[in-house]
Amino acid sequence: MLRWLWLAVLVIVLDQASKLWANAALDLHRPVEIFASLNFTLSYNAGAAFSFLANAGGWQRWFFITLAILISGYLIHWIKKLNRSEISLAIALSLILGGALGNVIDRMYLGYVVDFIDVFYLSDDCLPFFGSGHVSCHWPTFNIADSAIFLGALMLVRDSFKSRKSER
């Protein structure tokens, strides 16, 4: 099932190309509106998801690199052991692998992950503690690698429910 690793490579290429574009075309923290609920906003994340440990002093960079490389090795091993019929699982694992390695490349060479996709919605009661009125609710800025990891994880969850159903 290693033939599905092309998908991981595709994710890495698209992710790195989009990050190169974002760094060249966007100004840090200055949103560019794409449409009503989507901006491109360049940001750098030294932490993990939701900027977890972003201000930890630098050790987290090497921790996240090491963790991602270990997990990537495990994912490759898992993909290698799959049966030919487990295509959906191979795709899910390849998406996660590509996303993890796309972000590792950033951490290794830049010391942070480049994010630029800013999704949000408008609501009158989104953040009421900032006062009344029309405010926006932003999801943390992310990138193509993060999207691939998220999609792969959703596919894993879906596959786990399918497995349970077929076992019954």
C-alpha atoms as a PDB file:
ATOM      1  CA  MET A   1       0.000   0.000   0.000  1.00  0.00           C
ATOM      2  CA  LEU A   2       3.046   2.272  -0.130  1.00  0.00           C
ATOM      3  CA  ARG A   3       1.747   3.321  -3.541  1.00  0.00           C
ATOM      4  CA  TRP A   4      -0.472   5.804  -1.675  1.00  0.00           C
ATOM      5  CA  LEU A   5       2.557   7.760  -0.480  1.00  0.00           C
ATOM      6  CA  TRP A   6       2.258   9.862  -3.661  1.00  0.00           C
ATOM      7  CA  LEU A   7      -0.663  11.545  -1.893  1.00  0.00           C
ATOM      8  CA  ALA A   8       1.565  12.516   1.035  1.00  0.00           C
ATOM      9  CA  VAL A   9       4.109  13.937  -1.420  1.00  0.00           C
ATOM     10  CA  LEU A  10       1.350  15.897  -3.194  1.00  0.00           C
ATOM     11  CA  VAL A  11       0.197  17.379   0.127  1.00  0.00           C
ATOM     12  CA  ILE A  12       3.781  18.405   0.957  1.00  0.00           C
ATOM     13  CA  VAL A  13       4.298  20.033  -2.455  1.00  0.00           C
ATOM     14  CA  LEU A  14       0.981  21.928  -2.374  1.00  0.00           C
ATOM     15  CA  ASP A  15       1.552  22.959   1.229  1.00  0.00           C
ATOM     16  CA  GLN A  16       5.085  24.244   0.684  1.00  0.00           C
ATOM     17  CA  ALA A  17       4.165  26.015  -2.572  1.00  0.00           C
ATOM     18  CA  SER A  18       1.214  27.749  -0.909  1.00  0.00           C
ATOM     19  CA  LYS A  19       3.384  28.820   2.038  1.00  0.00           C
ATOM     20  CA  LEU A  20       6.027  30.230  -0.308  1.00  0.00           C
ATOM     21  CA  TRP A  21       3.276  32.159  -2.071  1.00  0.00           C
ATOM     22  CA  ALA A  22       1.801  33.395   1.245  1.00  0.00           C
ATOM     23  CA  ASN A  23       5.205  34.607   2.475  1.00  0.00           C
ATOM     24  CA  ALA A  24       5.818  36.453  -0.799  1.00  0.00           C
ATOM     25  CA  ALA A  25       2.338  37.892  -1.370  1.00  0.00           C
ATOM     26  CA  LEU A  26       0.984  38.659   2.094  1.00  0.00           C
ATOM     27  CA  ASP A  27       2.016  41.014   4.871  1.00  0.00           C
ATOM     28  CA  LEU A  28       2.207  39.572   8.379  1.00  0.00           C
ATOM     29  CA  HIS A  29      -1.131  39.853  10.225  1.00  0.00           C
ATOM     30  CA  ARG A  30      -2.772  41.947   7.458  1.00  0.00           C
ATOM     31  CA  PRO A  31      -5.939  40.220   6.225  1.00  0.00           C
ATOM     32  CA  VAL A  32      -6.745  40.056   2.541  1.00  0.00           C
ATOM     33  CA  GLU A  33     -10.441  39.372   2.021  1.00  0.00           C
ATOM     34  CA  ILE A  34     -11.175  36.516  -0.367  1.00  0.00           C
ATOM     35  CA  PHE A  35     -14.913  36.404   0.324  1.00  0.00           C
ATOM     36  CA  ALA A  36     -17.336  37.029   3.206  1.00  0.00           C
ATOM     37  CA  SER A  37     -15.986  34.394   5.604  1.00  0.00           C
ATOM     38  CA  LEU A  38     -12.490  33.791   4.292  1.00  0.00           C
ATOM     39  CA  ASN A  39      -9.356  35.903   4.488  1.00  0.00           C
ATOM     40  CA  PHE A  40      -5.759  35.143   3.734  1.00  0.00           C
ATOM     41  CA  THR A  41      -3.834  36.392   6.769  1.00  0.00           C
ATOM     42  CA  LEU A  42      -0.160  35.529   7.108  1.00  0.00           C
ATOM     43  CA  SER A  43       0.867  34.386  10.571  1.00  0.00           C
ATOM     44  CA  TYR A  44       3.656  32.345  12.092  1.00  0.00           C
ATOM     45  CA  ASN A  45       3.011  29.669  14.710  1.00  0.00           C
ATOM     46  CA  ALA A  46       5.913  28.479  16.861  1.00  0.00           C
ATOM     47  CA  GLY A  47       3.576  26.165  18.763  1.00  0.00           C
ATOM     48  CA  ALA A  48       1.273  23.312  17.855  1.00  0.00           C
ATOM     49  CA  ALA A  49      -2.449  23.407  17.114  1.00  0.00           C
ATOM     50  CA  PHE A  50      -4.132  26.580  18.405  1.00  0.00           C
ATOM     51  CA  SER A  51      -0.623  27.946  19.178  1.00  0.00           C
ATOM     52  CA  PHE A  52      -0.222  25.464  22.030  1.00  0.00           C
ATOM     53  CA  LEU A  53       3.222  26.053  23.628  1.00  0.00           C
ATOM     54  CA  ALA A  54       3.980  28.889  21.184  1.00  0.00           C
ATOM     55  CA  ASN A  55       5.688  30.917  23.915  1.00  0.00           C
ATOM     56  CA  ALA A  56       7.560  28.050  25.556  1.00  0.00           C
ATOM     57  CA  GLY A  57      11.042  29.405  24.878  1.00  0.00           C
ATOM     58  CA  GLY A  58      12.161  27.386  21.850  1.00  0.00           C
ATOM     59  CA  TRP A  59      12.433  23.801  23.113  1.00  0.00           C
ATOM     60  CA  GLN A  60       8.989  23.058  21.653  1.00  0.00           C
ATOM     61  CA  ARG A  61      10.370  23.408  18.103  1.00  0.00           C
ATOM     62  CA  TRP A  62      12.596  20.352  18.515  1.00  0.00           C
ATOM     63  CA  PHE A  63       9.968  18.496  20.516  1.00  0.00           C
ATOM     64  CA  PHE A  64       7.363  18.926  17.741  1.00  0.00           C
ATOM     65  CA  ILE A  65       9.905  18.029  15.025  1.00  0.00           C
ATOM     66  CA  THR A  66      10.905  14.850  16.871  1.00  0.00           C
ATOM     67  CA  LEU A  67       7.304  13.919  17.625  1.00  0.00           C
ATOM     68  CA  ALA A  68       6.194  14.454  14.019  1.00  0.00           C
ATOM     69  CA  ILE A  69       9.098  12.420  12.625  1.00  0.00           C
ATOM     70  CA  LEU A  70       8.369   9.540  15.016  1.00  0.00           C
ATOM     71  CA  ILE A  71       4.668   9.619  14.157  1.00  0.00           C
ATOM     72  CA  SER A  72       5.501   9.813  10.446  1.00  0.00           C
ATOM     73  CA  GLY A  73       7.658   6.697  10.747  1.00  0.00           C
ATOM     74  CA  TYR A  74       4.805   4.908  12.468  1.00  0.00           C
ATOM     75  CA  LEU A  75       2.332   6.054   9.785  1.00  0.00           C
ATOM     76  CA  ILE A  76       4.601   4.747   6.998  1.00  0.00           C
ATOM     77  CA  HIS A  77       4.897   1.420   8.838  1.00  0.00           C
ATOM     78  CA  TRP A  78       1.096   1.290   9.259  1.00  0.00           C
ATOM     79  CA  ILE A  79       0.485   2.102   5.580  1.00  0.00           C
ATOM     80  CA  LYS A  80       2.982  -0.590   4.578  1.00  0.00           C
ATOM     81  CA  LYS A  81       1.043  -3.234   6.552  1.00  0.00           C
ATOM     82  CA  LEU A  82      -2.392  -2.387   5.115  1.00  0.00           C
ATOM     83  CA  ASN A  83      -4.309  -4.785   2.917  1.00  0.00           C
ATOM     84  CA  ARG A  84      -5.020  -3.750  -0.671  1.00  0.00           C
ATOM     85  CA  SER A  85      -8.708  -3.401   0.219  1.00  0.00           C
ATOM     86  CA  GLU A  86      -8.018  -0.711   2.864  1.00  0.00           C
ATOM     87  CA  ILE A  87      -7.785   2.146   0.369  1.00  0.00           C
ATOM     88  CA  SER A  88      -9.695   4.675   2.470  1.00  0.00           C
ATOM     89  CA  LEU A  89      -7.406   4.040   5.439  1.00  0.00           C
ATOM     90  CA  ALA A  90      -4.318   4.376   3.223  1.00  0.00           C
ATOM     91  CA  ILE A  91      -5.612   7.706   1.909  1.00  0.00           C
ATOM     92  CA  ALA A  92      -6.379   8.967   5.425  1.00  0.00           C
ATOM     93  CA  LEU A  93      -2.938   8.001   6.745  1.00  0.00           C
ATOM     94  CA  SER A  94      -1.215   9.500   3.693  1.00  0.00           C
ATOM     95  CA  LEU A  95      -3.036  12.806   4.187  1.00  0.00           C
ATOM     96  CA  ILE A  96      -1.975  12.911   7.835  1.00  0.00           C
ATOM     97  CA  LEU A  97       1.591  11.958   6.905  1.00  0.00           C
ATOM     98  CA  GLY A  98       1.842  14.657   4.230  1.00  0.00           C
ATOM     99  CA  GLY A  99       0.425  17.290   6.555  1.00  0.00           C
ATOM    100  CA  ALA A 100       2.738  16.365   9.404  1.00  0.00           C
ATOM    101  CA  LEU A 101       5.810  16.458   7.173  1.00  0.00           C
ATOM    102  CA  GLY A 102       4.717  19.727   5.535  1.00  0.00           C
ATOM    103  CA  ASN A 103       4.684  21.396   8.937  1.00  0.00           C
ATOM    104  CA  VAL A 104       7.941  19.687   9.979  1.00  0.00           C
ATOM    105  CA  ILE A 105       9.684  21.264   6.990  1.00  0.00           C
ATOM    106  CA  ASP A 106       8.609  24.708   8.236  1.00  0.00           C
ATOM    107  CA  ARG A 107       9.738  23.994  11.793  1.00  0.00           C
ATOM    108  CA  MET A 108      13.107  22.695  10.658  1.00  0.00           C
ATOM    109  CA  TYR A 109      13.949  25.533   8.278  1.00  0.00           C
ATOM    110  CA  LEU A 110      12.031  28.480   9.731  1.00  0.00           C
ATOM    111  CA  GLY A 111      11.524  27.611  13.396  1.00  0.00           C
ATOM    112  CA  TYR A 112       7.751  28.104  13.055  1.00  0.00           C
ATOM    113  CA  VAL A 113       4.860  27.026  10.863  1.00  0.00           C
ATOM    114  CA  VAL A 114       3.492  29.387   8.223  1.00  0.00           C
ATOM    115  CA  ASP A 115      -0.297  29.753   8.426  1.00  0.00           C
ATOM    116  CA  PHE A 116      -2.465  31.908   6.198  1.00  0.00           C
ATOM    117  CA  ILE A 117      -6.015  30.562   5.821  1.00  0.00           C
ATOM    118  CA  ASP A 118      -8.361  32.562   8.054  1.00  0.00           C
ATOM    119  CA  VAL A 119     -11.948  31.283   8.253  1.00  0.00           C
ATOM    120  CA  PHE A 120     -14.529  33.132  10.316  1.00  0.00           C
ATOM    121  CA  TYR A 121     -18.189  33.987  10.684  1.00  0.00           C
ATOM    122  CA  LEU A 122     -20.001  37.089  11.783  1.00  0.00           C
ATOM    123  CA  SER A 123     -22.296  37.120  14.773  1.00  0.00           C
ATOM    124  CA  ASP A 124     -23.846  39.613  17.148  1.00  0.00           C
ATOM    125  CA  ASP A 125     -23.096  37.424  20.152  1.00  0.00           C
ATOM    126  CA  CYS A 126     -19.847  35.731  19.219  1.00  0.00           C
ATOM    127  CA  LEU A 127     -17.659  37.514  21.762  1.00  0.00           C
ATOM    128  CA  PRO A 128     -20.105  39.326  24.046  1.00  0.00           C
ATOM    129  CA  PHE A 129     -17.427  40.211  26.602  1.00  0.00           C
ATOM    130  CA  PHE A 130     -15.930  42.619  24.039  1.00  0.00           C
ATOM    131  CA  GLY A 131     -19.153  44.602  24.069  1.00  0.00           C
ATOM    132  CA  SER A 132     -22.239  44.485  21.965  1.00  0.00           C
ATOM    133  CA  GLY A 133     -22.358  44.878  18.239  1.00  0.00           C
ATOM    134  CA  HIS A 134     -21.313  42.967  15.191  1.00  0.00           C
ATOM    135  CA  VAL A 135     -18.112  40.989  15.793  1.00  0.00           C
ATOM    136  CA  SER A 136     -16.346  38.178  13.980  1.00  0.00           C
ATOM    137  CA  CYS A 137     -15.473  34.735  15.262  1.00  0.00           C
ATOM    138  CA  HIS A 138     -12.208  33.528  13.772  1.00  0.00           C
ATOM    139  CA  TRP A 139     -11.023  29.952  13.701  1.00  0.00           C
ATOM    140  CA  PRO A 140      -7.251  29.845  14.331  1.00  0.00           C
ATOM    141  CA  THR A 141      -5.335  30.525  11.114  1.00  0.00           C
ATOM    142  CA  PHE A 142      -4.201  27.332   9.383  1.00  0.00           C
ATOM    143  CA  ASN A 143      -2.571  25.987   6.202  1.00  0.00           C
ATOM    144  CA  ILE A 144      -2.910  23.178   3.652  1.00  0.00           C
ATOM    145  CA  ALA A 145      -0.906  20.764   5.837  1.00  0.00           C
ATOM    146  CA  ASP A 146      -3.318  21.353   8.733  1.00  0.00           C
ATOM    147  CA  SER A 147      -6.260  20.823   6.369  1.00  0.00           C
ATOM    148  CA  ALA A 148      -4.816  17.503   5.179  1.00  0.00           C
ATOM    149  CA  ILE A 149      -4.284  16.340   8.779  1.00  0.00           C
ATOM    150  CA  PHE A 150      -7.856  17.323   9.668  1.00  0.00           C
ATOM    151  CA  LEU A 151      -9.333  15.582   6.616  1.00  0.00           C
ATOM    152  CA  GLY A 152      -7.247  12.459   7.256  1.00  0.00           C
ATOM    153  CA  ALA A 153      -8.350  12.390  10.897  1.00  0.00           C
ATOM    154  CA  LEU A 154     -12.017  12.708   9.866  1.00  0.00           C
ATOM    155  CA  MET A 155     -11.545   9.802   7.482  1.00  0.00           C
ATOM    156  CA  LEU A 156      -9.984   7.725  10.283  1.00  0.00           C
ATOM    157  CA  VAL A 157     -12.964   8.412  12.534  1.00  0.00           C
ATOM    158  CA  ARG A 158     -15.383   7.531   9.721  1.00  0.00           C
ATOM    159  CA  ASP A 159     -13.462   4.316   9.022  1.00  0.00           C
ATOM    160  CA  SER A 160     -13.540   3.370  12.704  1.00  0.00           C
ATOM    161  CA  PHE A 161     -17.338   3.629  12.689  1.00  0.00           C
ATOM    162  CA  LYS A 162     -17.517   1.565   9.493  1.00  0.00           C
ATOM    163  CA  SER A 163     -15.333  -1.132  11.077  1.00  0.00           C
ATOM    164  CA  ARG A 164     -17.526  -1.347  14.155  1.00  0.00           C
ATOM    165  CA  LYS A 165     -20.642  -1.582  12.026  1.00  0.00           C
ATOM    166  CA  SER A 166     -19.186  -4.369   9.862  1.00  0.00           C
ATOM    167  CA  GLU A 167     -18.050  -6.299  12.964  1.00  0.00           C
ATOM    168  CA  ARG A 168     -21.650  -6.409  14.197  1.00  0.00           C
END
